[in-house]
Amino acid sequence: MRRATSVTYDSVRKLALTLPNVEESTSYGTPALKAKGKLFVRWRTEDDPDTIALKMPIEQRDEMISTDPETYFITDHYRNYPWILVRLSKVHPDALPELVQIGYSNALPAKRGRKHASR
C-alpha cells in the first residue's frame, strides 16, 4: 500500500535547504546536498531514482535496516561506509526531518572544545 503523502527528492531537498550552510551540488553526476562542502545526501538517479544515499553512522544504519528493511538498506558498495540507502516511496514523511538532521550532523566536523564555547 502506497502512502498518501509520498516523499520525493524534492521533499528532502527543501527540508535540507532550511539548515545552515547547506547547498545544492552534485555527486557522481547526480543531485546532492552538502553541508559546508561535505556530502550528506545523494539522489541515486542512475541506479534507482526512488532511493537516496544518506550519511549515517554504521551502528545506527544497521539498527534501522534490521527494524525496517523495506525502507532502509545498503548495497555491497556502501557496506564499509557510514551511509544508508533510503527508499523514498517507503519512508514515512514524519521520519524525514530526523533523517535529514542525522545526515547533516554526520557530515559536519565534530566541534572541539565545546566546554569552552559558552565563554
C-alpha atoms as a PDB file:
ATOM      1  CA  MET A   1       0.000   0.000   0.000  1.00  0.00           C
ATOM      2  CA  ARG A   2       1.389   3.375  -1.015  1.00  0.00           C
ATOM      3  CA  ARG A   3       1.381   6.260   1.459  1.00  0.00           C
ATOM      4  CA  ALA A   4      -0.995   9.151   0.779  1.00  0.00           C
ATOM      5  CA  THR A   5       1.861  11.652   1.035  1.00  0.00           C
ATOM      6  CA  SER A   6       4.899  10.226  -0.633  1.00  0.00           C
ATOM      7  CA  VAL A   7       8.375  11.562  -0.070  1.00  0.00           C
ATOM      8  CA  THR A   8      10.347  12.764  -3.084  1.00  0.00           C
ATOM      9  CA  TYR A   9      13.883  14.006  -3.545  1.00  0.00           C
ATOM     10  CA  ASP A  10      12.382  17.492  -3.769  1.00  0.00           C
ATOM     11  CA  SER A  11      10.900  16.994  -0.257  1.00  0.00           C
ATOM     12  CA  VAL A  12      14.341  16.037   1.043  1.00  0.00           C
ATOM     13  CA  ARG A  13      15.991  18.945  -0.796  1.00  0.00           C
ATOM     14  CA  LYS A  14      13.542  21.569   0.504  1.00  0.00           C
ATOM     15  CA  LEU A  15      13.897  20.343   4.077  1.00  0.00           C
ATOM     16  CA  ALA A  16      17.697  20.195   3.920  1.00  0.00           C
ATOM     17  CA  LEU A  17      17.969  23.694   2.472  1.00  0.00           C
ATOM     18  CA  THR A  18      16.404  25.093   5.665  1.00  0.00           C
ATOM     19  CA  LEU A  19      19.522  24.029   7.587  1.00  0.00           C
ATOM     20  CA  PRO A  20      22.546  26.337   7.916  1.00  0.00           C
ATOM     21  CA  ASN A  21      25.350  26.072   5.354  1.00  0.00           C
ATOM     22  CA  VAL A  22      23.533  23.565   3.108  1.00  0.00           C
ATOM     23  CA  GLU A  23      23.960  23.888  -0.618  1.00  0.00           C
ATOM     24  CA  GLU A  24      22.785  22.003  -3.654  1.00  0.00           C
ATOM     25  CA  SER A  25      25.551  20.244  -5.510  1.00  0.00           C
ATOM     26  CA  THR A  26      26.251  17.062  -7.441  1.00  0.00           C
ATOM     27  CA  SER A  27      27.982  13.801  -6.652  1.00  0.00           C
ATOM     28  CA  TYR A  28      28.856  11.310  -9.382  1.00  0.00           C
ATOM     29  CA  GLY A  29      26.777  13.455 -11.723  1.00  0.00           C
ATOM     30  CA  THR A  30      23.599  13.196  -9.644  1.00  0.00           C
ATOM     31  CA  PRO A  31      21.834  15.796  -7.461  1.00  0.00           C
ATOM     32  CA  ALA A  32      23.301  16.024  -3.980  1.00  0.00           C
ATOM     33  CA  LEU A  33      23.251  18.134  -0.839  1.00  0.00           C
ATOM     34  CA  LYS A  34      26.306  19.266   1.060  1.00  0.00           C
ATOM     35  CA  ALA A  35      26.835  20.911   4.446  1.00  0.00           C
ATOM     36  CA  LYS A  36      29.899  23.173   4.469  1.00  0.00           C
ATOM     37  CA  GLY A  37      31.043  21.340   1.347  1.00  0.00           C
ATOM     38  CA  LYS A  38      30.615  17.852   2.853  1.00  0.00           C
ATOM     39  CA  LEU A  39      28.241  15.429   1.143  1.00  0.00           C
ATOM     40  CA  PHE A  40      25.321  14.167   3.235  1.00  0.00           C
ATOM     41  CA  VAL A  41      22.583  13.277   0.716  1.00  0.00           C
ATOM     42  CA  ARG A  42      22.860  11.933  -2.817  1.00  0.00           C
ATOM     43  CA  TRP A  43      19.952  11.054  -5.080  1.00  0.00           C
ATOM     44  CA  ARG A  44      20.761   7.766  -6.809  1.00  0.00           C
ATOM     45  CA  THR A  45      19.100   8.666 -10.102  1.00  0.00           C
ATOM     46  CA  GLU A  46      21.419   6.460 -12.165  1.00  0.00           C
ATOM     47  CA  ASP A  47      20.708   3.232 -10.229  1.00  0.00           C
ATOM     48  CA  ASP A  48      17.383   3.723  -8.516  1.00  0.00           C
ATOM     49  CA  PRO A  49      15.556   7.084  -8.680  1.00  0.00           C
ATOM     50  CA  ASP A  50      13.412   6.039  -5.689  1.00  0.00           C
ATOM     51  CA  THR A  51      16.474   5.984  -3.435  1.00  0.00           C
ATOM     52  CA  ILE A  52      18.761   8.428  -1.673  1.00  0.00           C
ATOM     53  CA  ALA A  53      22.076   7.708  -0.004  1.00  0.00           C
ATOM     54  CA  LEU A  54      22.259   9.424   3.399  1.00  0.00           C
ATOM     55  CA  LYS A  55      25.265   9.865   5.694  1.00  0.00           C
ATOM     56  CA  MET A  56      24.628   7.691   8.757  1.00  0.00           C
ATOM     57  CA  PRO A  57      26.739   6.037  11.483  1.00  0.00           C
ATOM     58  CA  ILE A  58      27.115   2.338  10.708  1.00  0.00           C
ATOM     59  CA  GLU A  59      25.697   1.194  14.076  1.00  0.00           C
ATOM     60  CA  GLN A  60      22.570   3.299  13.630  1.00  0.00           C
ATOM     61  CA  ARG A  61      22.269   2.210   9.997  1.00  0.00           C
ATOM     62  CA  ASP A  62      22.391  -1.471  10.923  1.00  0.00           C
ATOM     63  CA  GLU A  63      19.695  -0.999  13.560  1.00  0.00           C
ATOM     64  CA  MET A  64      17.427   0.840  11.111  1.00  0.00           C
ATOM     65  CA  ILE A  65      17.885  -1.828   8.438  1.00  0.00           C
ATOM     66  CA  SER A  66      17.036  -4.617  10.873  1.00  0.00           C
ATOM     67  CA  THR A  67      13.921  -2.716  12.022  1.00  0.00           C
ATOM     68  CA  ASP A  68      12.601  -1.731   8.568  1.00  0.00           C
ATOM     69  CA  PRO A  69      14.415  -3.460   5.661  1.00  0.00           C
ATOM     70  CA  GLU A  70      11.770  -2.413   3.125  1.00  0.00           C
ATOM     71  CA  THR A  71      12.667   1.247   3.711  1.00  0.00           C
ATOM     72  CA  TYR A  72      16.330   1.147   4.720  1.00  0.00           C
ATOM     73  CA  PHE A  73      19.042  -0.944   3.084  1.00  0.00           C
ATOM     74  CA  ILE A  74      22.581  -0.949   1.727  1.00  0.00           C
ATOM     75  CA  THR A  75      24.381  -2.457  -1.224  1.00  0.00           C
ATOM     76  CA  ASP A  76      27.823  -4.035  -1.134  1.00  0.00           C
ATOM     77  CA  HIS A  77      29.268  -0.708  -2.271  1.00  0.00           C
ATOM     78  CA  TYR A  78      28.150   1.006   0.959  1.00  0.00           C
ATOM     79  CA  ARG A  79      28.792  -1.888   3.362  1.00  0.00           C
ATOM     80  CA  ASN A  80      32.008  -0.455   4.865  1.00  0.00           C
ATOM     81  CA  TYR A  81      30.999   3.198   4.737  1.00  0.00           C
ATOM     82  CA  PRO A  82      28.784   5.291   7.041  1.00  0.00           C
ATOM     83  CA  TRP A  83      25.857   5.560   4.621  1.00  0.00           C
ATOM     84  CA  ILE A  84      22.331   4.178   4.439  1.00  0.00           C
ATOM     85  CA  LEU A  85      20.066   3.865   1.415  1.00  0.00           C
ATOM     86  CA  VAL A  86      16.504   5.087   1.890  1.00  0.00           C
ATOM     87  CA  ARG A  87      13.577   4.168  -0.383  1.00  0.00           C
ATOM     88  CA  LEU A  88      11.647   7.409  -0.770  1.00  0.00           C
ATOM     89  CA  SER A  89       8.383   5.636  -1.626  1.00  0.00           C
ATOM     90  CA  LYS A  90       8.569   3.670   1.633  1.00  0.00           C
ATOM     91  CA  VAL A  91       9.883   6.189   4.163  1.00  0.00           C
ATOM     92  CA  HIS A  92       7.240   7.820   6.343  1.00  0.00           C
ATOM     93  CA  PRO A  93       7.072  11.615   5.836  1.00  0.00           C
ATOM     94  CA  ASP A  94       7.287  12.118   9.613  1.00  0.00           C
ATOM     95  CA  ALA A  95      10.701  10.389   9.649  1.00  0.00           C
ATOM     96  CA  LEU A  96      12.166  12.764   7.084  1.00  0.00           C
ATOM     97  CA  PRO A  97      13.182  15.677   9.369  1.00  0.00           C
ATOM     98  CA  GLU A  98      15.114  13.354  11.685  1.00  0.00           C
ATOM     99  CA  LEU A  99      16.789  11.531   8.787  1.00  0.00           C
ATOM    100  CA  VAL A 100      17.919  14.786   7.184  1.00  0.00           C
ATOM    101  CA  GLN A 101      19.203  16.040  10.558  1.00  0.00           C
ATOM    102  CA  ILE A 102      21.179  12.813  11.112  1.00  0.00           C
ATOM    103  CA  GLY A 103      22.800  13.071   7.692  1.00  0.00           C
ATOM    104  CA  TYR A 104      23.526  16.758   8.160  1.00  0.00           C
ATOM    105  CA  SER A 105      25.022  16.294  11.646  1.00  0.00           C
ATOM    106  CA  ASN A 106      27.219  13.444  10.462  1.00  0.00           C
ATOM    107  CA  ALA A 107      28.590  15.481   7.565  1.00  0.00           C
ATOM    108  CA  LEU A 108      29.757  18.341   9.776  1.00  0.00           C
ATOM    109  CA  PRO A 109      33.097  18.099  11.533  1.00  0.00           C
ATOM    110  CA  ALA A 110      32.949  17.377  15.253  1.00  0.00           C
ATOM    111  CA  LYS A 111      33.286  20.529  17.309  1.00  0.00           C
ATOM    112  CA  ARG A 112      36.292  20.700  19.567  1.00  0.00           C
ATOM    113  CA  GLY A 113      36.367  22.412  22.917  1.00  0.00           C
ATOM    114  CA  ARG A 114      32.596  22.561  23.413  1.00  0.00           C
ATOM    115  CA  LYS A 115      33.143  23.099  27.151  1.00  0.00           C
ATOM    116  CA  HIS A 116      34.654  26.492  26.350  1.00  0.00           C
ATOM    117  CA  ALA A 117      32.044  27.557  23.811  1.00  0.00           C
ATOM    118  CA  SER A 118      29.887  29.338  26.390  1.00  0.00           C
ATOM    119  CA  ARG A 119      32.575  31.834  27.388  1.00  0.00           C
END
